[in-house]
C-alpha atoms as a PDB file:
ATOM      1  CA  UNK A   1       1.569  -6.219   1.800  1.00  0.00           C
ATOM      2  CA  UNK A   2       4.329  -7.226  -0.525  1.00  0.00           C
ATOM      3  CA  UNK A   3       5.823 -10.459  -1.846  1.00  0.00           C
ATOM      4  CA  UNK A   4       9.098 -11.825  -3.080  1.00  0.00           C
ATOM      5  CA  UNK A   5       9.943 -15.306  -4.388  1.00  0.00           C
ATOM      6  CA  UNK A   6       7.679 -17.674  -2.427  1.00  0.00           C
ATOM      7  CA  UNK A   7       6.969 -15.453   0.565  1.00  0.00           C
ATOM      8  CA  UNK A   8       4.176 -12.986   1.303  1.00  0.00           C
ATOM      9  CA  UNK A   9       4.744 -10.184   3.824  1.00  0.00           C
ATOM     10  CA  UNK A  10       1.801  -8.694   5.721  1.00  0.00           C
ATOM     11  CA  UNK A  11       1.838  -5.699   8.082  1.00  0.00           C
ATOM     12  CA  UNK A  12      -1.223  -5.009  10.220  1.00  0.00           C
ATOM     13  CA  UNK A  13      -2.340  -1.698  11.675  1.00  0.00           C
ATOM     14  CA  UNK A  14      -0.958  -0.750  15.080  1.00  0.00           C
ATOM     15  CA  UNK A  15       1.542  -3.610  15.087  1.00  0.00           C
ATOM     16  CA  UNK A  16       5.286  -3.350  14.725  1.00  0.00           C
ATOM     17  CA  UNK A  17       5.930  -6.906  13.543  1.00  0.00           C
ATOM     18  CA  UNK A  18       5.619  -8.358  10.039  1.00  0.00           C
ATOM     19  CA  UNK A  19       3.860 -11.636   9.285  1.00  0.00           C
ATOM     20  CA  UNK A  20       5.447 -13.890   6.649  1.00  0.00           C
ATOM     21  CA  UNK A  21       3.563 -16.619   4.779  1.00  0.00           C
ATOM     22  CA  UNK A  22       4.681 -19.357   2.398  1.00  0.00           C
ATOM     23  CA  UNK A  23       2.878 -18.518  -0.853  1.00  0.00           C
ATOM     24  CA  UNK A  24       2.482 -22.032  -2.298  1.00  0.00           C
ATOM     25  CA  UNK A  25       0.548 -23.293   0.743  1.00  0.00           C
ATOM     26  CA  UNK A  26      -0.346 -19.993   2.475  1.00  0.00           C
ATOM     27  CA  UNK A  27       0.805 -21.174   5.869  1.00  0.00           C
ATOM     28  CA  UNK A  28       2.526 -18.861   8.371  1.00  0.00           C
ATOM     29  CA  UNK A  29       6.297 -18.971   8.078  1.00  0.00           C
ATOM     30  CA  UNK A  30       7.228 -16.465  10.784  1.00  0.00           C
ATOM     31  CA  UNK A  31       6.255 -13.310  12.594  1.00  0.00           C
ATOM     32  CA  UNK A  32       9.326 -11.133  12.659  1.00  0.00           C
ATOM     33  CA  UNK A  33      10.397  -7.813  14.051  1.00  0.00           C
ATOM     34  CA  UNK A  34      12.424  -5.067  12.412  1.00  0.00           C
ATOM     35  CA  UNK A  35      14.971  -3.567  14.760  1.00  0.00           C
ATOM     36  CA  UNK A  36      14.279   0.055  15.665  1.00  0.00           C
ATOM     37  CA  UNK A  37      10.843   0.156  14.046  1.00  0.00           C
ATOM     38  CA  UNK A  38       8.154   2.419  15.520  1.00  0.00           C
ATOM     39  CA  UNK A  39       4.584   1.393  16.293  1.00  0.00           C
ATOM     40  CA  UNK A  40       3.048   2.258  12.905  1.00  0.00           C
ATOM     41  CA  UNK A  41       4.031   0.564   9.660  1.00  0.00           C
ATOM     42  CA  UNK A  42       2.466   2.588   6.844  1.00  0.00           C
ATOM     43  CA  UNK A  43       3.942   0.847   3.823  1.00  0.00           C
ATOM     44  CA  UNK A  44       5.721  -2.247   2.524  1.00  0.00           C
ATOM     45  CA  UNK A  45       7.416  -2.751  -0.824  1.00  0.00           C
ATOM     46  CA  UNK A  46       9.862  -5.244  -2.304  1.00  0.00           C
ATOM     47  CA  UNK A  47      12.489  -4.979  -5.024  1.00  0.00           C
ATOM     48  CA  UNK A  48      13.590  -8.079  -6.913  1.00  0.00           C
ATOM     49  CA  UNK A  49      16.692  -6.359  -8.305  1.00  0.00           C
ATOM     50  CA  UNK A  50      17.965  -5.466  -4.838  1.00  0.00           C
ATOM     51  CA  UNK A  51      16.513  -8.615  -3.218  1.00  0.00           C
ATOM     52  CA  UNK A  52      15.196  -6.645  -0.287  1.00  0.00           C
ATOM     53  CA  UNK A  53      12.063  -5.246   1.285  1.00  0.00           C
ATOM     54  CA  UNK A  54      11.367  -1.693   2.399  1.00  0.00           C
ATOM     55  CA  UNK A  55       9.308  -0.727   5.445  1.00  0.00           C
ATOM     56  CA  UNK A  56       7.835   2.745   6.050  1.00  0.00           C
ATOM     57  CA  UNK A  57       7.951   3.940   9.656  1.00  0.00           C
ATOM     58  CA  UNK A  58       5.466   6.793  10.188  1.00  0.00           C
ATOM     59  CA  UNK A  59       6.411   7.594  13.791  1.00  0.00           C
ATOM     60  CA  UNK A  60      10.159   7.905  13.217  1.00  0.00           C
ATOM     61  CA  UNK A  61       9.947   9.341   9.665  1.00  0.00           C
ATOM     62  CA  UNK A  62      12.194   6.553   8.470  1.00  0.00           C
ATOM     63  CA  UNK A  63      12.413   3.951   5.714  1.00  0.00           C
ATOM     64  CA  UNK A  64      14.008   0.670   6.732  1.00  0.00           C
ATOM     65  CA  UNK A  65      15.650  -1.528   4.143  1.00  0.00           C
ATOM     66  CA  UNK A  66      16.082  -5.201   4.940  1.00  0.00           C
ATOM     67  CA  UNK A  67      17.778  -7.945   2.993  1.00  0.00           C
ATOM     68  CA  UNK A  68      15.353 -10.650   2.085  1.00  0.00           C
ATOM     69  CA  UNK A  69      16.577 -13.169   4.606  1.00  0.00           C
ATOM     70  CA  UNK A  70      14.925 -14.338   7.789  1.00  0.00           C
ATOM     71  CA  UNK A  71      17.016 -15.403  10.767  1.00  0.00           C
ATOM     72  CA  UNK A  72      14.968 -18.264  12.198  1.00  0.00           C
ATOM     73  CA  UNK A  73      16.978 -18.363  15.398  1.00  0.00           C
ATOM     74  CA  UNK A  74      16.316 -14.751  16.401  1.00  0.00           C
ATOM     75  CA  UNK A  75      13.089 -14.131  14.493  1.00  0.00           C
ATOM     76  CA  UNK A  76      14.369 -10.947  12.850  1.00  0.00           C
ATOM     77  CA  UNK A  77      14.969  -9.884   9.288  1.00  0.00           C
ATOM     78  CA  UNK A  78      18.650  -9.288   8.550  1.00  0.00           C
ATOM     79  CA  UNK A  79      19.513  -5.607   8.900  1.00  0.00           C
ATOM     80  CA  UNK A  80      20.654  -3.667   5.862  1.00  0.00           C
ATOM     81  CA  UNK A  81      20.126  -0.080   6.974  1.00  0.00           C
ATOM     82  CA  UNK A  82      17.608   2.725   7.208  1.00  0.00           C
ATOM     83  CA  UNK A  83      17.393   6.375   6.293  1.00  0.00           C
ATOM     84  CA  UNK A  84      15.556   9.437   7.475  1.00  0.00           C
ATOM     85  CA  UNK A  85      12.762  10.808   5.290  1.00  0.00           C
ATOM     86  CA  UNK A  86      11.929  14.513   4.998  1.00  0.00           C
ATOM     87  CA  UNK A  87       8.273  13.970   5.836  1.00  0.00           C
ATOM     88  CA  UNK A  88       5.842  11.347   7.126  1.00  0.00           C
ATOM     89  CA  UNK A  89       6.093   8.264   4.860  1.00  0.00           C
ATOM     90  CA  UNK A  90       2.505   7.289   4.098  1.00  0.00           C
ATOM     91  CA  UNK A  91       2.968   4.718   1.312  1.00  0.00           C
ATOM     92  CA  UNK A  92       5.670   2.904  -0.667  1.00  0.00           C
ATOM     93  CA  UNK A  93       5.975   1.523  -4.182  1.00  0.00           C
ATOM     94  CA  UNK A  94       8.798   0.473  -6.500  1.00  0.00           C
ATOM     95  CA  UNK A  95       9.162   2.168  -9.898  1.00  0.00           C
ATOM     96  CA  UNK A  96       8.531  -0.262 -12.736  1.00  0.00           C
ATOM     97  CA  UNK A  97      11.418   0.935 -14.905  1.00  0.00           C
ATOM     98  CA  UNK A  98      14.247   1.791 -12.517  1.00  0.00           C
ATOM     99  CA  UNK A  99      13.527  -0.250  -9.416  1.00  0.00           C
ATOM    100  CA  UNK A 100      13.814   2.920  -7.338  1.00  0.00           C
ATOM    101  CA  UNK A 101      11.654   3.366  -4.266  1.00  0.00           C
ATOM    102  CA  UNK A 102       8.827   5.937  -4.389  1.00  0.00           C
ATOM    103  CA  UNK A 103       7.922   7.261  -0.937  1.00  0.00           C
ATOM    104  CA  UNK A 104       4.621   9.122  -0.629  1.00  0.00           C
ATOM    105  CA  UNK A 105       4.779  11.735   2.134  1.00  0.00           C
ATOM    106  CA  UNK A 106       1.641  13.112   3.711  1.00  0.00           C
ATOM    107  CA  UNK A 107       3.072  16.637   3.497  1.00  0.00           C
ATOM    108  CA  UNK A 108       2.309  16.721  -0.246  1.00  0.00           C
ATOM    109  CA  UNK A 109       5.371  15.342  -1.986  1.00  0.00           C
ATOM    110  CA  UNK A 110       6.870  12.202  -3.468  1.00  0.00           C
ATOM    111  CA  UNK A 111      10.474  11.223  -2.782  1.00  0.00           C
ATOM    112  CA  UNK A 112      12.318   8.830  -5.097  1.00  0.00           C
ATOM    113  CA  UNK A 113      15.291   6.937  -3.672  1.00  0.00           C
ATOM    114  CA  UNK A 114      17.739   4.338  -4.879  1.00  0.00           C
ATOM    115  CA  UNK A 115      17.640   1.019  -3.070  1.00  0.00           C
ATOM    116  CA  UNK A 116      20.318   2.198  -0.634  1.00  0.00           C
ATOM    117  CA  UNK A 117      18.609   5.458   0.294  1.00  0.00           C
ATOM    118  CA  UNK A 118      20.210   8.016  -2.035  1.00  0.00           C
ATOM    119  CA  UNK A 119      17.682  10.675  -3.005  1.00  0.00           C
ATOM    120  CA  UNK A 120      17.083  10.739  -6.771  1.00  0.00           C
ATOM    121  CA  UNK A 121      14.445  13.456  -6.889  1.00  0.00           C
ATOM    122  CA  UNK A 122      11.701  15.187  -4.984  1.00  0.00           C
ATOM    123  CA  UNK A 123       8.338  15.764  -6.635  1.00  0.00           C
ATOM    124  CA  UNK A 124       6.280  18.512  -4.995  1.00  0.00           C
ATOM    125  CA  UNK A 125       2.610  17.972  -5.737  1.00  0.00           C
ATOM    126  CA  UNK A 126       0.181  20.763  -6.574  1.00  0.00           C
ATOM    127  CA  UNK A 127      -1.941  22.131  -3.765  1.00  0.00           C
ATOM    128  CA  UNK A 128      -5.010  20.314  -5.100  1.00  0.00           C
ATOM    129  CA  UNK A 129      -3.235  16.985  -4.510  1.00  0.00           C
ATOM    130  CA  UNK A 130      -3.373  17.318  -0.727  1.00  0.00           C
ATOM    131  CA  UNK A 131      -2.793  14.605   1.877  1.00  0.00           C
ATOM    132  CA  UNK A 132      -1.368  11.958  -0.498  1.00  0.00           C
ATOM    133  CA  UNK A 133      -1.577   8.328   0.579  1.00  0.00           C
ATOM    134  CA  UNK A 134       0.018   6.250  -2.154  1.00  0.00           C
ATOM    135  CA  UNK A 135       1.643   6.680  -5.576  1.00  0.00           C
ATOM    136  CA  UNK A 136       2.547   4.247  -8.348  1.00  0.00           C
ATOM    137  CA  UNK A 137       4.379   4.688 -11.639  1.00  0.00           C
ATOM    138  CA  UNK A 138       2.098   4.357 -14.664  1.00  0.00           C
ATOM    139  CA  UNK A 139       4.295   4.326 -17.762  1.00  0.00           C
ATOM    140  CA  UNK A 140       7.720   4.805 -19.323  1.00  0.00           C
ATOM    141  CA  UNK A 141       7.343   8.578 -19.152  1.00  0.00           C
ATOM    142  CA  UNK A 142       7.418   8.525 -15.368  1.00  0.00           C
ATOM    143  CA  UNK A 143       3.825   9.663 -14.907  1.00  0.00           C
ATOM    144  CA  UNK A 144       2.296   8.592 -11.614  1.00  0.00           C
ATOM    145  CA  UNK A 145      -1.121   7.868 -10.162  1.00  0.00           C
ATOM    146  CA  UNK A 146      -1.537   9.415  -6.714  1.00  0.00           C
ATOM    147  CA  UNK A 147      -4.282   8.623  -4.233  1.00  0.00           C
ATOM    148  CA  UNK A 148      -4.930  11.572  -1.955  1.00  0.00           C
ATOM    149  CA  UNK A 149      -7.478  13.068   0.416  1.00  0.00           C
ATOM    150  CA  UNK A 150      -8.582  12.546   3.965  1.00  0.00           C
ATOM    151  CA  UNK A 151     -11.443  11.468   6.167  1.00  0.00           C
ATOM    152  CA  UNK A 152     -13.332  14.465   7.577  1.00  0.00           C
ATOM    153  CA  UNK A 153     -16.653  15.045   9.293  1.00  0.00           C
ATOM    154  CA  UNK A 154     -19.255  14.041   6.764  1.00  0.00           C
ATOM    155  CA  UNK A 155     -18.317  12.704   3.288  1.00  0.00           C
ATOM    156  CA  UNK A 156     -14.638  11.998   2.754  1.00  0.00           C
ATOM    157  CA  UNK A 157     -12.819  14.186   0.269  1.00  0.00           C
ATOM    158  CA  UNK A 158     -10.504  12.121  -1.846  1.00  0.00           C
ATOM    159  CA  UNK A 159      -9.340  11.707  -5.421  1.00  0.00           C
ATOM    160  CA  UNK A 160      -6.934   9.784  -7.600  1.00  0.00           C
ATOM    161  CA  UNK A 161      -4.815  12.036  -9.810  1.00  0.00           C
ATOM    162  CA  UNK A 162      -2.376  11.445 -12.637  1.00  0.00           C
ATOM    163  CA  UNK A 163       0.702  13.675 -12.269  1.00  0.00           C
ATOM    164  CA  UNK A 164       3.904  14.153 -14.253  1.00  0.00           C
ATOM    165  CA  UNK A 165       7.487  14.195 -12.983  1.00  0.00           C
ATOM    166  CA  UNK A 166       7.199  17.917 -12.218  1.00  0.00           C
ATOM    167  CA  UNK A 167       4.234  17.306  -9.938  1.00  0.00           C
ATOM    168  CA  UNK A 168       1.735  18.890 -12.331  1.00  0.00           C
ATOM    169  CA  UNK A 169      -1.744  17.370 -12.272  1.00  0.00           C
ATOM    170  CA  UNK A 170      -2.697  16.004 -15.709  1.00  0.00           C
ATOM    171  CA  UNK A 171      -6.089  14.575 -14.826  1.00  0.00           C
ATOM    172  CA  UNK A 172      -8.005  13.785 -11.662  1.00  0.00           C
ATOM    173  CA  UNK A 173     -11.022  11.814 -10.583  1.00  0.00           C
ATOM    174  CA  UNK A 174     -13.100  11.694  -7.421  1.00  0.00           C
ATOM    175  CA  UNK A 175     -12.783   8.452  -5.461  1.00  0.00           C
ATOM    176  CA  UNK A 176     -15.636   8.138  -2.990  1.00  0.00           C
ATOM    177  CA  UNK A 177     -15.685   7.949  -0.105  1.00  0.00           C
ATOM    178  CA  UNK A 178     -12.036   7.890   1.022  1.00  0.00           C
ATOM    179  CA  UNK A 179      -8.352   7.606   0.063  1.00  0.00           C
ATOM    180  CA  UNK A 180      -7.117   4.281  -1.258  1.00  0.00           C
ATOM    181  CA  UNK A 181      -4.119   2.144  -2.135  1.00  0.00           C
ATOM    182  CA  UNK A 182      -3.278   1.504  -5.778  1.00  0.00           C
ATOM    183  CA  UNK A 183      -1.740  -1.004  -8.173  1.00  0.00           C
ATOM    184  CA  UNK A 184      -1.083  -0.919 -11.929  1.00  0.00           C
ATOM    185  CA  UNK A 185      -1.364  -3.958 -14.204  1.00  0.00           C
ATOM    186  CA  UNK A 186      -0.504  -4.620 -17.856  1.00  0.00           C
ATOM    187  CA  UNK A 187      -3.342  -6.970 -18.668  1.00  0.00           C
ATOM    188  CA  UNK A 188      -2.809  -7.979 -22.316  1.00  0.00           C
ATOM    189  CA  UNK A 189      -0.073  -8.528 -24.902  1.00  0.00           C
ATOM    190  CA  UNK A 190      -0.445  -4.988 -26.282  1.00  0.00           C
ATOM    191  CA  UNK A 191       0.597  -3.489 -22.956  1.00  0.00           C
ATOM    192  CA  UNK A 192      -2.751  -1.922 -22.105  1.00  0.00           C
ATOM    193  CA  UNK A 193      -2.818  -1.016 -18.435  1.00  0.00           C
ATOM    194  CA  UNK A 194      -5.384  -0.635 -15.727  1.00  0.00           C
ATOM    195  CA  UNK A 195      -5.175   1.083 -12.352  1.00  0.00           C
ATOM    196  CA  UNK A 196      -6.646  -0.953  -9.510  1.00  0.00           C
ATOM    197  CA  UNK A 197      -8.059   1.054  -6.595  1.00  0.00           C
ATOM    198  CA  UNK A 198      -8.881  -0.514  -3.222  1.00  0.00           C
ATOM    199  CA  UNK A 199     -12.176   1.152  -2.336  1.00  0.00           C
ATOM    200  CA  UNK A 200     -12.503   0.308   1.344  1.00  0.00           C
ATOM    201  CA  UNK A 201     -15.813   1.895   2.266  1.00  0.00           C
ATOM    202  CA  UNK A 202     -17.631   0.792  -0.883  1.00  0.00           C
ATOM    203  CA  UNK A 203     -16.329  -2.789  -0.580  1.00  0.00           C
ATOM    204  CA  UNK A 204     -14.978  -3.084  -4.098  1.00  0.00           C
ATOM    205  CA  UNK A 205     -11.842  -2.965  -6.235  1.00  0.00           C
ATOM    206  CA  UNK A 206     -12.344  -0.216  -8.815  1.00  0.00           C
ATOM    207  CA  UNK A 207     -10.661  -0.370 -12.233  1.00  0.00           C
ATOM    208  CA  UNK A 208      -9.674   2.725 -14.209  1.00  0.00           C
ATOM    209  CA  UNK A 209      -7.511   3.207 -17.257  1.00  0.00           C
ATOM    210  CA  UNK A 210      -4.256   5.191 -16.749  1.00  0.00           C
ATOM    211  CA  UNK A 211      -6.044   8.424 -17.694  1.00  0.00           C
ATOM    212  CA  UNK A 212      -8.661   7.639 -15.041  1.00  0.00           C
ATOM    213  CA  UNK A 213     -11.509   7.534 -17.537  1.00  0.00           C
ATOM    214  CA  UNK A 214     -13.013   4.181 -18.473  1.00  0.00           C
ATOM    215  CA  UNK A 215     -14.013   2.338 -15.346  1.00  0.00           C
ATOM    216  CA  UNK A 216     -15.294  -0.935 -14.024  1.00  0.00           C
ATOM    217  CA  UNK A 217     -14.945  -3.070 -10.923  1.00  0.00           C
ATOM    218  CA  UNK A 218     -13.223  -6.375 -10.294  1.00  0.00           C
ATOM    219  CA  UNK A 219     -15.445  -9.349  -9.577  1.00  0.00           C
ATOM    220  CA  UNK A 220     -14.296 -11.024  -6.354  1.00  0.00           C
ATOM    221  CA  UNK A 221     -16.357 -14.156  -5.595  1.00  0.00           C
ATOM    222  CA  UNK A 222     -15.675 -14.534  -1.885  1.00  0.00           C
ATOM    223  CA  UNK A 223     -17.909 -15.706   0.940  1.00  0.00           C
ATOM    224  CA  UNK A 224     -19.569 -12.704   2.564  1.00  0.00           C
ATOM    225  CA  UNK A 225     -18.323 -10.372  -0.160  1.00  0.00           C
ATOM    226  CA  UNK A 226     -15.475  -7.929   0.245  1.00  0.00           C
ATOM    227  CA  UNK A 227     -15.210  -6.504   3.760  1.00  0.00           C
ATOM    228  CA  UNK A 228     -13.349  -3.229   3.621  1.00  0.00           C
ATOM    229  CA  UNK A 229     -10.614  -3.902   1.021  1.00  0.00           C
ATOM    230  CA  UNK A 230      -7.780  -1.635   2.096  1.00  0.00           C
ATOM    231  CA  UNK A 231      -4.404  -2.990   0.996  1.00  0.00           C
ATOM    232  CA  UNK A 232      -3.681  -4.485  -2.420  1.00  0.00           C
ATOM    233  CA  UNK A 233      -0.533  -6.055  -3.790  1.00  0.00           C
ATOM    234  CA  UNK A 234      -0.039  -7.243  -7.362  1.00  0.00           C
ATOM    235  CA  UNK A 235       2.253 -10.172  -8.180  1.00  0.00           C
ATOM    236  CA  UNK A 236       2.434 -10.001 -11.975  1.00  0.00           C
ATOM    237  CA  UNK A 237       4.748 -13.029 -12.191  1.00  0.00           C
ATOM    238  CA  UNK A 238       1.924 -15.183 -10.817  1.00  0.00           C
ATOM    239  CA  UNK A 239      -0.926 -13.168 -12.384  1.00  0.00           C
ATOM    240  CA  UNK A 240      -2.235 -12.756  -8.858  1.00  0.00           C
ATOM    241  CA  UNK A 241      -3.717 -10.006  -6.705  1.00  0.00           C
ATOM    242  CA  UNK A 242      -3.634  -9.987  -2.907  1.00  0.00           C
ATOM    243  CA  UNK A 243      -6.297  -7.984  -1.079  1.00  0.00           C
ATOM    244  CA  UNK A 244      -6.071  -7.130   2.614  1.00  0.00           C
ATOM    245  CA  UNK A 245      -9.378  -6.366   4.304  1.00  0.00           C
ATOM    246  CA  UNK A 246      -9.670  -3.681   6.960  1.00  0.00           C
ATOM    247  CA  UNK A 247     -12.854  -5.005   8.573  1.00  0.00           C
ATOM    248  CA  UNK A 248     -12.118  -8.733   8.737  1.00  0.00           C
ATOM    249  CA  UNK A 249      -8.317  -8.895   8.729  1.00  0.00           C
ATOM    250  CA  UNK A 250      -8.454 -11.451   5.903  1.00  0.00           C
ATOM    251  CA  UNK A 251      -5.959 -11.641   3.060  1.00  0.00           C
ATOM    252  CA  UNK A 252      -7.703 -12.668  -0.164  1.00  0.00           C
ATOM    253  CA  UNK A 253      -5.932 -14.268  -3.127  1.00  0.00           C
ATOM    254  CA  UNK A 254      -7.254 -13.574  -6.639  1.00  0.00           C
ATOM    255  CA  UNK A 255      -5.676 -15.571  -9.467  1.00  0.00           C
ATOM    256  CA  UNK A 256      -5.926 -14.913 -13.226  1.00  0.00           C
ATOM    257  CA  UNK A 257      -6.294 -11.224 -12.449  1.00  0.00           C
ATOM    258  CA  UNK A 258      -5.360 -10.097 -16.000  1.00  0.00           C
ATOM    259  CA  UNK A 259      -8.303 -11.908 -17.531  1.00  0.00           C
ATOM    260  CA  UNK A 260     -10.602 -10.697 -14.756  1.00  0.00           C
ATOM    261  CA  UNK A 261      -9.581  -7.068 -15.338  1.00  0.00           C
ATOM    262  CA  UNK A 262      -9.972  -7.369 -19.099  1.00  0.00           C
ATOM    263  CA  UNK A 263     -13.437  -8.881 -18.681  1.00  0.00           C
ATOM    264  CA  UNK A 264     -14.483  -6.118 -16.278  1.00  0.00           C
ATOM    265  CA  UNK A 265     -13.406  -3.479 -18.803  1.00  0.00           C
ATOM    266  CA  UNK A 266     -15.068  -5.356 -21.701  1.00  0.00           C
ATOM    267  CA  UNK A 267     -11.736  -5.966 -23.407  1.00  0.00           C
ATOM    268  CA  UNK A 268     -12.151  -9.713 -24.027  1.00  0.00           C
END
């Protein structure tokens, strides 16, 4: 999921189209295709500075960039280009400071690109950060949180690690039972931050500080409880968190997320 202005973009597993919703009323606006896209979308991200969205194509090892315009007559997003990625793009995020795109590749590396696909740097992760799923920038020093691991026979082996720009692991924490998608939120006026972790198999949104130490969980009062939270997207301009559920296919909307995170970490 990702959002921009008054639109929310949702990609579902094993589908090559993207659903678009009007945020103020949460009604479907369109279901659009991206020309040349393979059958598996593994990441969405948006950049306000470039006024575009990015789509990760696992099958074709490609990132598509599309201007943030929808052609209602043809049902497609206006083309702006695409570029080949040296690896399988597993997750996307946009760096908080530069607006560059961070592509997490399952081969054990992070690739940072400008909005037009020029490679800025390649970060090779240590061998203990295997099978990465998603990475987000944590602070002004460029440190990143990386979710990594895989589902295997028996308990899943997965962790969330904090790494520096050289790919060195600074700290790491087990995330049971499987790999997750991440978001990072500044939740008070002092700039304190929290990492939000979609914990699909435990049906909760975990909260950790940037050093992955103090923890809590986000209270989500929804009928039936959380049902496999898998995708999360943070809209800080609206103080809102979107949660996509694996089991039900629902998209949940959580407002006043800063206060909720602070309360969960006993910071209020």
